[in-house]
Amino acid sequence: MAIARELVELHGGTIKARSDGDGHGQHVQVDLPSVVGRRARRHRAARRSAGRADDGDSIGSAPRTSHLVVDDEPDARDLIEMALSQYGAIVTTRRRARRRR
């Protein structure tokens, strides 16, 4: 949990965990700031300063980004891939990380 908290806080977010006691599991909530709108605004500003037309407020006007998703759970991996792809990201998925020798 300490590592997760550190990562979330480095991205400007918050993390909360709670449990109803033994045998009831744990609920973890992670809130991260959206970068999609901010990235799209920067992209439109760069296009205007380069003399190009503004593409409007569509998410699709954001520059394409590449992401590597590593998760051993196929459903989680597919969900993350689908979500990122909807924002125009180029997504590569792997079941596990490759070990360095």
PDB file of N, CA and C in Angstrom:
ATOM      1  N   MET A   1       0.820  -1.181   0.000  1.00  0.00           N
ATOM      2  CA  MET A   1       0.000   0.000   0.000  1.00  0.00           C
ATOM      3  C   MET A   1       0.873   1.258   0.000  1.00  0.00           C
ATOM      4  N   ALA A   2       2.001   1.203   0.653  1.00  0.00           N
ATOM      5  CA  ALA A   2       2.886   2.369   0.691  1.00  0.00           C
ATOM      6  C   ALA A   2       3.418   2.701  -0.701  1.00  0.00           C
ATOM      7  N   ILE A   3       3.734   1.678  -1.482  1.00  0.00           N
ATOM      8  CA  ILE A   3       4.226   1.906  -2.847  1.00  0.00           C
ATOM      9  C   ILE A   3       3.109   2.489  -3.707  1.00  0.00           C
ATOM     10  N   ALA A   4       1.908   1.948  -3.581  1.00  0.00           N
ATOM     11  CA  ALA A   4       0.767   2.462  -4.347  1.00  0.00           C
ATOM     12  C   ALA A   4       0.512   3.922  -3.992  1.00  0.00           C
ATOM     13  N   ARG A   5       0.540   4.252  -2.709  1.00  0.00           N
ATOM     14  CA  ARG A   5       0.318   5.633  -2.285  1.00  0.00           C
ATOM     15  C   ARG A   5       1.359   6.561  -2.894  1.00  0.00           C
ATOM     16  N   GLU A   6       2.605   6.154  -2.858  1.00  0.00           N
ATOM     17  CA  GLU A   6       3.686   6.970  -3.417  1.00  0.00           C
ATOM     18  C   GLU A   6       3.463   7.221  -4.911  1.00  0.00           C
ATOM     19  N   LEU A   7       3.113   6.176  -5.657  1.00  0.00           N
ATOM     20  CA  LEU A   7       2.887   6.321  -7.096  1.00  0.00           C
ATOM     21  C   LEU A   7       1.704   7.243  -7.387  1.00  0.00           C
ATOM     22  N   VAL A   8       0.614   7.051  -6.664  1.00  0.00           N
ATOM     23  CA  VAL A   8      -0.583   7.869  -6.872  1.00  0.00           C
ATOM     24  C   VAL A   8      -0.278   9.331  -6.548  1.00  0.00           C
ATOM     25  N   GLU A   9       0.401   9.593  -5.447  1.00  0.00           N
ATOM     26  CA  GLU A   9       0.719  10.966  -5.067  1.00  0.00           C
ATOM     27  C   GLU A   9       1.684  11.618  -6.051  1.00  0.00           C
ATOM     28  N   LEU A  10       2.596  10.849  -6.620  1.00  0.00           N
ATOM     29  CA  LEU A  10       3.505  11.392  -7.627  1.00  0.00           C
ATOM     30  C   LEU A  10       2.741  11.862  -8.864  1.00  0.00           C
ATOM     31  N   HIS A  11       1.580  11.266  -9.116  1.00  0.00           N
ATOM     32  CA  HIS A  11       0.748  11.658 -10.253  1.00  0.00           C
ATOM     33  C   HIS A  11      -0.306  12.688  -9.864  1.00  0.00           C
ATOM     34  N   GLY A  12      -0.200  13.238  -8.647  1.00  0.00           N
ATOM     35  CA  GLY A  12      -1.116  14.281  -8.217  1.00  0.00           C
ATOM     36  C   GLY A  12      -2.463  13.774  -7.741  1.00  0.00           C
ATOM     37  N   GLY A  13      -2.547  12.493  -7.402  1.00  0.00           N
ATOM     38  CA  GLY A  13      -3.816  11.919  -6.988  1.00  0.00           C
ATOM     39  C   GLY A  13      -3.868  11.585  -5.512  1.00  0.00           C
ATOM     40  N   THR A  14      -4.962  10.934  -5.145  1.00  0.00           N
ATOM     41  CA  THR A  14      -5.145  10.483  -3.768  1.00  0.00           C
ATOM     42  C   THR A  14      -5.569   9.024  -3.778  1.00  0.00           C
ATOM     43  N   ILE A  15      -5.300   8.338  -2.672  1.00  0.00           N
ATOM     44  CA  ILE A  15      -5.693   6.945  -2.527  1.00  0.00           C
ATOM     45  C   ILE A  15      -6.263   6.754  -1.127  1.00  0.00           C
ATOM     46  N   LYS A  16      -7.375   6.023  -1.048  1.00  0.00           N
ATOM     47  CA  LYS A  16      -8.026   5.740   0.229  1.00  0.00           C
ATOM     48  C   LYS A  16      -8.316   4.250   0.289  1.00  0.00           C
ATOM     49  N   ALA A  17      -8.129   3.658   1.456  1.00  0.00           N
ATOM     50  CA  ALA A  17      -8.426   2.240   1.642  1.00  0.00           C
ATOM     51  C   ALA A  17      -9.274   2.070   2.892  1.00  0.00           C
ATOM     52  N   ARG A  18     -10.222   1.124   2.822  1.00  0.00           N
ATOM     53  CA  ARG A  18     -11.032   0.817   3.999  1.00  0.00           C
ATOM     54  C   ARG A  18     -11.422  -0.648   3.956  1.00  0.00           C
ATOM     55  N   SER A  19     -11.721  -1.182   5.107  1.00  0.00           N
ATOM     56  CA  SER A  19     -12.150  -2.565   5.228  1.00  0.00           C
ATOM     57  C   SER A  19     -13.187  -2.653   6.334  1.00  0.00           C
ATOM     58  N   ASP A  20     -14.142  -3.556   6.156  1.00  0.00           N
ATOM     59  CA  ASP A  20     -15.153  -3.792   7.183  1.00  0.00           C
ATOM     60  C   ASP A  20     -14.715  -4.874   8.165  1.00  0.00           C
ATOM     61  N   GLY A  21     -13.457  -5.261   8.128  1.00  0.00           N
ATOM     62  CA  GLY A  21     -12.933  -6.252   9.058  1.00  0.00           C
ATOM     63  C   GLY A  21     -12.526  -7.545   8.366  1.00  0.00           C
ATOM     64  N   ASP A  22     -12.007  -8.468   9.155  1.00  0.00           N
ATOM     65  CA  ASP A  22     -11.544  -9.748   8.621  1.00  0.00           C
ATOM     66  C   ASP A  22     -12.639 -10.456   7.834  1.00  0.00           C
ATOM     67  N   GLY A  23     -12.235 -10.982   6.700  1.00  0.00           N
ATOM     68  CA  GLY A  23     -13.161 -11.740   5.876  1.00  0.00           C
ATOM     69  C   GLY A  23     -14.067 -10.907   4.992  1.00  0.00           C
ATOM     70  N   HIS A  24     -13.936  -9.588   5.029  1.00  0.00           N
ATOM     71  CA  HIS A  24     -14.805  -8.723   4.238  1.00  0.00           C
ATOM     72  C   HIS A  24     -14.080  -8.026   3.094  1.00  0.00           C
ATOM     73  N   GLY A  25     -12.833  -8.369   2.861  1.00  0.00           N
ATOM     74  CA  GLY A  25     -12.090  -7.752   1.775  1.00  0.00           C
ATOM     75  C   GLY A  25     -11.700  -6.321   2.078  1.00  0.00           C
ATOM     76  N   GLN A  26     -11.198  -5.657   1.062  1.00  0.00           N
ATOM     77  CA  GLN A  26     -10.747  -4.283   1.216  1.00  0.00           C
ATOM     78  C   GLN A  26     -11.209  -3.480   0.018  1.00  0.00           C
ATOM     79  N   HIS A  27     -11.613  -2.258   0.261  1.00  0.00           N
ATOM     80  CA  HIS A  27     -12.029  -1.339  -0.795  1.00  0.00           C
ATOM     81  C   HIS A  27     -10.939  -0.286  -0.931  1.00  0.00           C
ATOM     82  N   VAL A  28     -10.413  -0.135  -2.147  1.00  0.00           N
ATOM     83  CA  VAL A  28      -9.374   0.858  -2.405  1.00  0.00           C
ATOM     84  C   VAL A  28      -9.891   1.805  -3.479  1.00  0.00           C
ATOM     85  N   GLN A  29      -9.833   3.097  -3.203  1.00  0.00           N
ATOM     86  CA  GLN A  29     -10.266   4.109  -4.161  1.00  0.00           C
ATOM     87  C   GLN A  29      -9.070   4.960  -4.545  1.00  0.00           C
ATOM     88  N   VAL A  30      -8.818   5.056  -5.848  1.00  0.00           N
ATOM     89  CA  VAL A  30      -7.730   5.880  -6.372  1.00  0.00           C
ATOM     90  C   VAL A  30      -8.356   6.976  -7.225  1.00  0.00           C
ATOM     91  N   ASP A  31      -8.031   8.216  -6.938  1.00  0.00           N
ATOM     92  CA  ASP A  31      -8.481   9.359  -7.731  1.00  0.00           C
ATOM     93  C   ASP A  31      -7.262  10.028  -8.339  1.00  0.00           C
ATOM     94  N   LEU A  32      -7.261  10.127  -9.676  1.00  0.00           N
ATOM     95  CA  LEU A  32      -6.166  10.774 -10.394  1.00  0.00           C
ATOM     96  C   LEU A  32      -6.716  11.928 -11.212  1.00  0.00           C
ATOM     97  N   PRO A  33      -5.956  13.010 -11.326  1.00  0.00           N
ATOM     98  CA  PRO A  33      -6.421  14.128 -12.151  1.00  0.00           C
ATOM     99  C   PRO A  33      -6.431  13.718 -13.621  1.00  0.00           C
ATOM    100  N   SER A  34      -7.387  14.257 -14.369  1.00  0.00           N
ATOM    101  CA  SER A  34      -7.478  13.956 -15.797  1.00  0.00           C
ATOM    102  C   SER A  34      -6.404  14.724 -16.545  1.00  0.00           C
ATOM    103  N   VAL A  35      -5.717  14.047 -17.435  1.00  0.00           N
ATOM    104  CA  VAL A  35      -4.720  14.717 -18.273  1.00  0.00           C
ATOM    105  C   VAL A  35      -5.223  14.860 -19.697  1.00  0.00           C
ATOM    106  N   VAL A  36      -6.345  14.234 -20.009  1.00  0.00           N
ATOM    107  CA  VAL A  36      -6.847  14.255 -21.377  1.00  0.00           C
ATOM    108  C   VAL A  36      -7.191  15.677 -21.804  1.00  0.00           C
ATOM    109  N   GLY A  37      -7.995  16.381 -21.020  1.00  0.00           N
ATOM    110  CA  GLY A  37      -8.372  17.745 -21.370  1.00  0.00           C
ATOM    111  C   GLY A  37      -7.189  18.678 -21.430  1.00  0.00           C
ATOM    112  N   ARG A  38      -6.289  18.550 -20.482  1.00  0.00           N
ATOM    113  CA  ARG A  38      -5.100  19.404 -20.429  1.00  0.00           C
ATOM    114  C   ARG A  38      -4.218  19.154 -21.655  1.00  0.00           C
ATOM    115  N   ARG A  39      -4.036  17.890 -22.021  1.00  0.00           N
ATOM    116  CA  ARG A  39      -3.204  17.546 -23.177  1.00  0.00           C
ATOM    117  C   ARG A  39      -3.839  18.070 -24.459  1.00  0.00           C
ATOM    118  N   ALA A  40      -5.157  17.953 -24.577  1.00  0.00           N
ATOM    119  CA  ALA A  40      -5.844  18.435 -25.771  1.00  0.00           C
ATOM    120  C   ALA A  40      -5.717  19.953 -25.889  1.00  0.00           C
ATOM    121  N   ARG A  41      -5.841  20.673 -24.767  1.00  0.00           N
ATOM    122  CA  ARG A  41      -5.689  22.136 -24.802  1.00  0.00           C
ATOM    123  C   ARG A  41      -4.283  22.534 -25.243  1.00  0.00           C
ATOM    124  N   ARG A  42      -3.266  21.824 -24.724  1.00  0.00           N
ATOM    125  CA  ARG A  42      -1.883  22.131 -25.128  1.00  0.00           C
ATOM    126  C   ARG A  42      -1.697  21.882 -26.616  1.00  0.00           C
ATOM    127  N   HIS A  43      -2.289  20.783 -27.100  1.00  0.00           N
ATOM    128  CA  HIS A  43      -2.157  20.432 -28.515  1.00  0.00           C
ATOM    129  C   HIS A  43      -2.815  21.501 -29.392  1.00  0.00           C
ATOM    130  N   ARG A  44      -4.026  21.961 -29.021  1.00  0.00           N
ATOM    131  CA  ARG A  44      -4.706  22.993 -29.795  1.00  0.00           C
ATOM    132  C   ARG A  44      -3.916  24.297 -29.777  1.00  0.00           C
ATOM    133  N   ALA A  45      -3.345  24.650 -28.624  1.00  0.00           N
ATOM    134  CA  ALA A  45      -2.556  25.877 -28.527  1.00  0.00           C
ATOM    135  C   ALA A  45      -1.325  25.785 -29.431  1.00  0.00           C
ATOM    136  N   ALA A  46      -0.702  24.620 -29.463  1.00  0.00           N
ATOM    137  CA  ALA A  46       0.473  24.440 -30.320  1.00  0.00           C
ATOM    138  C   ALA A  46       0.083  24.540 -31.791  1.00  0.00           C
ATOM    139  N   ARG A  47      -1.083  23.994 -32.144  1.00  0.00           N
ATOM    140  CA  ARG A  47      -1.546  24.070 -33.539  1.00  0.00           C
ATOM    141  C   ARG A  47      -1.837  25.521 -33.927  1.00  0.00           C
ATOM    142  N   ARG A  48      -2.458  26.290 -33.018  1.00  0.00           N
ATOM    143  CA  ARG A  48      -2.754  27.694 -33.314  1.00  0.00           C
ATOM    144  C   ARG A  48      -1.460  28.487 -33.510  1.00  0.00           C
ATOM    145  N   SER A  49      -0.487  28.254 -32.640  1.00  0.00           N
ATOM    146  CA  SER A  49       0.759  29.014 -32.757  1.00  0.00           C
ATOM    147  C   SER A  49       1.540  28.629 -34.014  1.00  0.00           C
ATOM    148  N   ALA A  50       1.270  27.423 -34.544  1.00  0.00           N
ATOM    149  CA  ALA A  50       1.928  26.990 -35.780  1.00  0.00           C
ATOM    150  C   ALA A  50       1.123  27.423 -37.007  1.00  0.00           C
ATOM    151  N   GLY A  51      -0.015  28.135 -36.772  1.00  0.00           N
ATOM    152  CA  GLY A  51      -0.808  28.628 -37.893  1.00  0.00           C
ATOM    153  C   GLY A  51      -1.805  27.626 -38.427  1.00  0.00           C
ATOM    154  N   ARG A  52      -2.092  26.549 -37.702  1.00  0.00           N
ATOM    155  CA  ARG A  52      -3.060  25.556 -38.163  1.00  0.00           C
ATOM    156  C   ARG A  52      -4.413  25.821 -37.524  1.00  0.00           C
ATOM    157  N   ALA A  53      -5.451  25.286 -38.137  1.00  0.00           N
ATOM    158  CA  ALA A  53      -6.814  25.469 -37.622  1.00  0.00           C
ATOM    159  C   ALA A  53      -7.003  24.705 -36.327  1.00  0.00           C
ATOM    160  N   ASP A  54      -7.879  25.236 -35.488  1.00  0.00           N
ATOM    161  CA  ASP A  54      -8.241  24.575 -34.232  1.00  0.00           C
ATOM    162  C   ASP A  54      -9.185  23.429 -34.537  1.00  0.00           C
ATOM    163  N   ASP A  55      -8.951  22.275 -33.951  1.00  0.00           N
ATOM    164  CA  ASP A  55      -9.777  21.093 -34.181  1.00  0.00           C
ATOM    165  C   ASP A  55     -11.002  21.037 -33.292  1.00  0.00           C
ATOM    166  N   GLY A  56     -11.236  21.988 -32.421  1.00  0.00           N
ATOM    167  CA  GLY A  56     -12.372  21.935 -31.512  1.00  0.00           C
ATOM    168  C   GLY A  56     -12.003  21.250 -30.219  1.00  0.00           C
ATOM    169  N   ASP A  57     -13.030  20.874 -29.458  1.00  0.00           N
ATOM    170  CA  ASP A  57     -12.816  20.308 -28.135  1.00  0.00           C
ATOM    171  C   ASP A  57     -12.798  18.794 -28.105  1.00  0.00           C
ATOM    172  N   SER A  58     -12.763  18.134 -29.238  1.00  0.00           N
ATOM    173  CA  SER A  58     -12.831  16.676 -29.223  1.00  0.00           C
ATOM    174  C   SER A  58     -11.589  16.068 -28.606  1.00  0.00           C
ATOM    175  N   ILE A  59     -11.789  14.971 -27.925  1.00  0.00           N
ATOM    176  CA  ILE A  59     -10.665  14.251 -27.321  1.00  0.00           C
ATOM    177  C   ILE A  59      -9.713  13.786 -28.404  1.00  0.00           C
ATOM    178  N   GLY A  60     -10.252  13.486 -29.571  1.00  0.00           N
ATOM    179  CA  GLY A  60      -9.437  13.001 -30.671  1.00  0.00           C
ATOM    180  C   GLY A  60      -8.380  13.989 -31.131  1.00  0.00           C
ATOM    181  N   SER A  61      -8.492  15.259 -30.727  1.00  0.00           N
ATOM    182  CA  SER A  61      -7.496  16.233 -31.152  1.00  0.00           C
ATOM    183  C   SER A  61      -6.217  16.154 -30.312  1.00  0.00           C
ATOM    184  N   ALA A  62      -6.244  15.353 -29.265  1.00  0.00           N
ATOM    185  CA  ALA A  62      -5.051  15.182 -28.437  1.00  0.00           C
ATOM    186  C   ALA A  62      -4.014  14.362 -29.200  1.00  0.00           C
ATOM    187  N   PRO A  63      -2.742  14.644 -28.994  1.00  0.00           N
ATOM    188  CA  PRO A  63      -1.723  13.856 -29.679  1.00  0.00           C
ATOM    189  C   PRO A  63      -1.773  12.402 -29.221  1.00  0.00           C
ATOM    190  N   ARG A  64      -1.493  11.473 -30.125  1.00  0.00           N
ATOM    191  CA  ARG A  64      -1.527  10.049 -29.784  1.00  0.00           C
ATOM    192  C   ARG A  64      -0.368   9.710 -28.857  1.00  0.00           C
ATOM    193  N   THR A  65      -0.654   8.873 -27.895  1.00  0.00           N
ATOM    194  CA  THR A  65       0.366   8.439 -26.943  1.00  0.00           C
ATOM    195  C   THR A  65       0.448   6.929 -26.981  1.00  0.00           C
ATOM    196  N   SER A  66       1.583   6.377 -26.607  1.00  0.00           N
ATOM    197  CA  SER A  66       1.777   4.927 -26.566  1.00  0.00           C
ATOM    198  C   SER A  66       1.881   4.479 -25.122  1.00  0.00           C
ATOM    199  N   HIS A  67       1.225   3.361 -24.810  1.00  0.00           N
ATOM    200  CA  HIS A  67       1.209   2.844 -23.448  1.00  0.00           C
ATOM    201  C   HIS A  67       1.451   1.347 -23.465  1.00  0.00           C
ATOM    202  N   LEU A  68       2.175   0.870 -22.473  1.00  0.00           N
ATOM    203  CA  LEU A  68       2.377  -0.560 -22.259  1.00  0.00           C
ATOM    204  C   LEU A  68       1.597  -0.946 -21.012  1.00  0.00           C
ATOM    205  N   VAL A  69       0.681  -1.900 -21.152  1.00  0.00           N
ATOM    206  CA  VAL A  69      -0.122  -2.381 -20.037  1.00  0.00           C
ATOM    207  C   VAL A  69       0.335  -3.791 -19.708  1.00  0.00           C
ATOM    208  N   VAL A  70       0.780  -4.005 -18.464  1.00  0.00           N
ATOM    209  CA  VAL A  70       1.234  -5.320 -18.014  1.00  0.00           C
ATOM    210  C   VAL A  70       0.341  -5.747 -16.859  1.00  0.00           C
ATOM    211  N   ASP A  71      -0.402  -6.847 -17.072  1.00  0.00           N
ATOM    212  CA  ASP A  71      -1.282  -7.378 -16.026  1.00  0.00           C
ATOM    213  C   ASP A  71      -1.503  -8.847 -16.312  1.00  0.00           C
ATOM    214  N   ASP A  72      -1.402  -9.685 -15.284  1.00  0.00           N
ATOM    215  CA  ASP A  72      -1.584 -11.111 -15.503  1.00  0.00           C
ATOM    216  C   ASP A  72      -3.056 -11.517 -15.557  1.00  0.00           C
ATOM    217  N   GLU A  73      -3.955 -10.590 -15.273  1.00  0.00           N
ATOM    218  CA  GLU A  73      -5.393 -10.864 -15.321  1.00  0.00           C
ATOM    219  C   GLU A  73      -5.940 -10.400 -16.670  1.00  0.00           C
ATOM    220  N   PRO A  74      -6.366 -11.336 -17.531  1.00  0.00           N
ATOM    221  CA  PRO A  74      -6.808 -10.962 -18.882  1.00  0.00           C
ATOM    222  C   PRO A  74      -7.938  -9.932 -18.913  1.00  0.00           C
ATOM    223  N   ASP A  75      -8.923 -10.063 -18.029  1.00  0.00           N
ATOM    224  CA  ASP A  75     -10.042  -9.114 -18.035  1.00  0.00           C
ATOM    225  C   ASP A  75      -9.577  -7.704 -17.693  1.00  0.00           C
ATOM    226  N   ALA A  76      -8.707  -7.579 -16.704  1.00  0.00           N
ATOM    227  CA  ALA A  76      -8.184  -6.265 -16.326  1.00  0.00           C
ATOM    228  C   ALA A  76      -7.365  -5.672 -17.460  1.00  0.00           C
ATOM    229  N   ARG A  77      -6.550  -6.498 -18.072  1.00  0.00           N
ATOM    230  CA  ARG A  77      -5.710  -6.059 -19.184  1.00  0.00           C
ATOM    231  C   ARG A  77      -6.586  -5.555 -20.342  1.00  0.00           C
ATOM    232  N   ASP A  78      -7.634  -6.303 -20.682  1.00  0.00           N
ATOM    233  CA  ASP A  78      -8.521  -5.907 -21.770  1.00  0.00           C
ATOM    234  C   ASP A  78      -9.274  -4.615 -21.452  1.00  0.00           C
ATOM    235  N   LEU A  79      -9.714  -4.475 -20.214  1.00  0.00           N
ATOM    236  CA  LEU A  79     -10.448  -3.274 -19.813  1.00  0.00           C
ATOM    237  C   LEU A  79      -9.570  -2.026 -19.934  1.00  0.00           C
ATOM    238  N   ILE A  80      -8.353  -2.120 -19.441  1.00  0.00           N
ATOM    239  CA  ILE A  80      -7.444  -0.972 -19.502  1.00  0.00           C
ATOM    240  C   ILE A  80      -7.109  -0.644 -20.954  1.00  0.00           C
ATOM    241  N   GLU A  81      -6.879  -1.683 -21.759  1.00  0.00           N
ATOM    242  CA  GLU A  81      -6.593  -1.459 -23.176  1.00  0.00           C
ATOM    243  C   GLU A  81      -7.764  -0.757 -23.861  1.00  0.00           C
ATOM    244  N   MET A  82      -8.980  -1.209 -23.597  1.00  0.00           N
ATOM    245  CA  MET A  82     -10.157  -0.613 -24.205  1.00  0.00           C
ATOM    246  C   MET A  82     -10.315   0.852 -23.787  1.00  0.00           C
ATOM    247  N   ALA A  83     -10.147   1.121 -22.497  1.00  0.00           N
ATOM    248  CA  ALA A  83     -10.310   2.489 -21.997  1.00  0.00           C
ATOM    249  C   ALA A  83      -9.285   3.433 -22.621  1.00  0.00           C
ATOM    250  N   LEU A  84      -8.028   3.024 -22.654  1.00  0.00           N
ATOM    251  CA  LEU A  84      -6.996   3.888 -23.232  1.00  0.00           C
ATOM    252  C   LEU A  84      -7.197   4.073 -24.730  1.00  0.00           C
ATOM    253  N   SER A  85      -7.612   3.023 -25.416  1.00  0.00           N
ATOM    254  CA  SER A  85      -7.825   3.090 -26.864  1.00  0.00           C
ATOM    255  C   SER A  85      -8.937   4.063 -27.220  1.00  0.00           C
ATOM    256  N   GLN A  86      -9.959   4.166 -26.367  1.00  0.00           N
ATOM    257  CA  GLN A  86     -11.052   5.096 -26.632  1.00  0.00           C
ATOM    258  C   GLN A  86     -10.578   6.541 -26.658  1.00  0.00           C
ATOM    259  N   TYR A  87      -9.447   6.829 -26.027  1.00  0.00           N
ATOM    260  CA  TYR A  87      -8.881   8.171 -26.041  1.00  0.00           C
ATOM    261  C   TYR A  87      -7.788   8.314 -27.089  1.00  0.00           C
ATOM    262  N   GLY A  88      -7.713   7.348 -27.997  1.00  0.00           N
ATOM    263  CA  GLY A  88      -6.769   7.443 -29.098  1.00  0.00           C
ATOM    264  C   GLY A  88      -5.375   6.938 -28.795  1.00  0.00           C
ATOM    265  N   ALA A  89      -5.185   6.304 -27.646  1.00  0.00           N
ATOM    266  CA  ALA A  89      -3.852   5.810 -27.292  1.00  0.00           C
ATOM    267  C   ALA A  89      -3.507   4.567 -28.102  1.00  0.00           C
ATOM    268  N   ILE A  90      -2.244   4.404 -28.362  1.00  0.00           N
ATOM    269  CA  ILE A  90      -1.727   3.181 -28.960  1.00  0.00           C
ATOM    270  C   ILE A  90      -1.327   2.288 -27.796  1.00  0.00           C
ATOM    271  N   VAL A  91      -1.968   1.135 -27.664  1.00  0.00           N
ATOM    272  CA  VAL A  91      -1.794   0.298 -26.484  1.00  0.00           C
ATOM    273  C   VAL A  91      -1.176  -1.046 -26.852  1.00  0.00           C
ATOM    274  N   THR A  92      -0.137  -1.412 -26.120  1.00  0.00           N
ATOM    275  CA  THR A  92       0.474  -2.736 -26.223  1.00  0.00           C
ATOM    276  C   THR A  92       0.243  -3.425 -24.893  1.00  0.00           C
ATOM    277  N   THR A  93      -0.191  -4.691 -24.932  1.00  0.00           N
ATOM    278  CA  THR A  93      -0.444  -5.409 -23.685  1.00  0.00           C
ATOM    279  C   THR A  93       0.481  -6.613 -23.558  1.00  0.00           C
ATOM    280  N   ARG A  94       0.786  -6.934 -22.320  1.00  0.00           N
ATOM    281  CA  ARG A  94       1.603  -8.108 -22.004  1.00  0.00           C
ATOM    282  C   ARG A  94       1.054  -8.757 -20.746  1.00  0.00           C
ATOM    283  N   ARG A  95       1.172 -10.081 -20.684  1.00  0.00           N
ATOM    284  CA  ARG A  95       0.731 -10.832 -19.518  1.00  0.00           C
ATOM    285  C   ARG A  95       1.698 -10.678 -18.350  1.00  0.00           C
ATOM    286  N   ARG A  96       2.974 -10.566 -18.668  1.00  0.00           N
ATOM    287  CA  ARG A  96       3.973 -10.384 -17.613  1.00  0.00           C
ATOM    288  C   ARG A  96       5.163  -9.611 -18.179  1.00  0.00           C
ATOM    289  N   ALA A  97       5.902  -9.033 -17.275  1.00  0.00           N
ATOM    290  CA  ALA A  97       7.089  -8.281 -17.677  1.00  0.00           C
ATOM    291  C   ALA A  97       8.214  -9.252 -17.999  1.00  0.00           C
ATOM    292  N   ARG A  98       9.008  -8.907 -18.961  1.00  0.00           N
ATOM    293  CA  ARG A  98      10.135  -9.750 -19.326  1.00  0.00           C
ATOM    294  C   ARG A  98      11.278  -9.494 -18.358  1.00  0.00           C
ATOM    295  N   ARG A  99      11.889 -10.556 -17.896  1.00  0.00           N
ATOM    296  CA  ARG A  99      13.040 -10.428 -16.976  1.00  0.00           C
ATOM    297  C   ARG A  99      14.285 -10.036 -17.740  1.00  0.00           C
ATOM    298  N   ARG A 100      15.043  -9.165 -17.136  1.00  0.00           N
ATOM    299  CA  ARG A 100      16.359  -8.811 -17.714  1.00  0.00           C
ATOM    300  C   ARG A 100      17.376  -9.794 -17.194  1.00  0.00           C
ATOM    301  N   ARG A 101      18.280 -10.129 -18.054  1.00  0.00           N
ATOM    302  CA  ARG A 101      19.327 -11.085 -17.641  1.00  0.00           C
ATOM    303  C   ARG A 101      20.617 -10.390 -17.402  1.00  0.00           C
TER     304      ARG A 101
END
